[in-house]
């Protein structure tokens, strides 16, 4: 495999832009004082982003995947153990896929 100079320069430029974007955000937010309400809002942002990324996939797939997502959420909410929730989710999707395959 051969690597050309323009490809390496492009990769370097993209890495530099990514780094500058991130460090710029950190620098800019260090200069802004946040209200308590804004701090509370920002704590919910990661969860909202995850839901916005996962929900379309869950709702556009089959019964097995939707059931596994529901089981994962229920176990995570009930036990607060994310590892257990992931294991249950994988187990449910495998089980439901096998069950649905046998029913066809």
Protein backbone atom coordinates (compact mmCIF):
# COMPACT_ATOMS: atom_id res chain seq x y z
CA UNK A 1 0.00 0.00 0.00
CA UNK A 2 1.31 3.36 -1.02
CA UNK A 3 0.60 6.63 0.76
CA UNK A 4 0.74 9.88 -1.17
CA UNK A 5 1.83 13.22 0.19
CA UNK A 6 -1.54 14.91 -0.53
CA UNK A 7 -3.34 12.18 1.44
CA UNK A 8 -1.02 12.61 4.42
CA UNK A 9 -1.39 16.39 4.30
CA UNK A 10 -5.17 16.05 4.16
CA UNK A 11 -5.20 13.72 7.17
CA UNK A 12 -2.92 16.11 9.08
CA UNK A 13 -5.11 19.10 8.19
CA UNK A 14 -8.28 17.29 9.32
CA UNK A 15 -6.61 16.32 12.60
CA UNK A 16 -5.49 19.91 13.14
CA UNK A 17 -8.96 21.31 12.45
CA UNK A 18 -10.51 18.75 14.80
CA UNK A 19 -8.03 19.62 17.55
CA UNK A 20 -8.50 23.37 17.10
CA UNK A 21 -12.29 22.98 17.20
CA UNK A 22 -12.13 21.06 20.46
CA UNK A 23 -9.56 23.25 22.17
CA UNK A 24 -11.40 26.35 20.93
CA UNK A 25 -14.59 25.15 22.61
CA UNK A 26 -12.76 24.49 25.86
CA UNK A 27 -11.07 27.90 25.69
CA UNK A 28 -14.32 29.71 24.88
CA UNK A 29 -16.30 27.99 27.67
CA UNK A 30 -13.55 28.78 30.20
CA UNK A 31 -14.32 32.46 29.59
CA UNK A 32 -18.08 32.12 30.12
CA UNK A 33 -19.72 31.90 33.53
CA UNK A 34 -22.64 29.48 33.54
CA UNK A 35 -25.78 29.88 35.57
CA UNK A 36 -26.98 26.99 37.71
CA UNK A 37 -29.82 26.41 35.26
CA UNK A 38 -27.39 26.15 32.34
CA UNK A 39 -25.15 23.77 34.30
CA UNK A 40 -28.15 21.56 35.04
CA UNK A 41 -29.16 21.62 31.37
CA UNK A 42 -25.65 20.64 30.26
CA UNK A 43 -25.65 17.60 32.55
CA UNK A 44 -28.61 16.17 30.60
CA UNK A 45 -27.09 16.81 27.18
CA UNK A 46 -25.07 13.55 26.84
CA UNK A 47 -28.15 11.44 27.56
CA UNK A 48 -30.21 13.41 25.07
CA UNK A 49 -27.57 12.96 22.39
CA UNK A 50 -27.44 9.20 22.99
CA UNK A 51 -31.22 8.92 22.80
CA UNK A 52 -31.31 10.94 19.58
CA UNK A 53 -28.74 8.61 18.04
CA UNK A 54 -30.18 5.32 19.29
CA UNK A 55 -33.95 5.91 19.03
CA UNK A 56 -34.21 6.03 15.20
CA UNK A 57 -32.27 2.77 14.91
CA UNK A 58 -34.32 1.05 17.58
CA UNK A 59 -37.61 2.18 16.12
CA UNK A 60 -36.72 1.33 12.52
CA UNK A 61 -35.50 -2.22 13.17
CA UNK A 62 -37.37 -5.39 13.98
CA UNK A 63 -39.15 -6.71 17.02
CA UNK A 64 -36.04 -8.38 18.46
CA UNK A 65 -33.99 -5.20 18.49
CA UNK A 66 -36.82 -3.10 19.91
CA UNK A 67 -37.46 -5.69 22.63
CA UNK A 68 -33.77 -5.82 23.49
CA UNK A 69 -33.57 -2.03 23.74
CA UNK A 70 -36.59 -1.99 26.04
CA UNK A 71 -35.08 -4.75 28.21
CA UNK A 72 -31.77 -2.89 28.37
CA UNK A 73 -33.43 0.34 29.47
CA UNK A 74 -35.54 -1.44 32.10
CA UNK A 75 -32.58 -3.33 33.58
CA UNK A 76 -30.42 -0.18 33.60
CA UNK A 77 -33.15 1.83 35.31
CA UNK A 78 -33.89 -0.88 37.84
CA UNK A 79 -30.34 -1.97 38.77
CA UNK A 80 -28.19 1.03 37.78
CA UNK A 81 -25.71 -1.57 36.49
CA UNK A 82 -24.80 -0.75 32.89
CA UNK A 83 -22.74 -3.90 32.34
CA UNK A 84 -25.64 -6.07 33.40
CA UNK A 85 -28.00 -4.02 31.22
CA UNK A 86 -25.77 -4.53 28.17
CA UNK A 87 -25.48 -8.26 28.82
CA UNK A 88 -29.25 -8.56 29.18
CA UNK A 89 -29.76 -6.54 25.99
CA UNK A 90 -27.44 -8.75 23.97
CA UNK A 91 -29.03 -11.87 25.44
CA UNK A 92 -32.53 -10.68 24.66
CA UNK A 93 -31.72 -9.78 21.06
CA UNK A 94 -30.02 -13.13 20.48
CA UNK A 95 -32.89 -14.99 22.14
CA UNK A 96 -35.62 -13.12 20.29
CA UNK A 97 -33.85 -13.51 16.94
CA UNK A 98 -33.52 -17.25 17.50
CA UNK A 99 -37.16 -17.51 18.61
CA UNK A 100 -38.40 -15.53 15.63
CA UNK A 101 -36.23 -17.56 13.24
CA UNK A 102 -37.76 -20.80 14.57
CA UNK A 103 -41.29 -19.44 14.19
CA UNK A 104 -40.86 -18.76 10.46
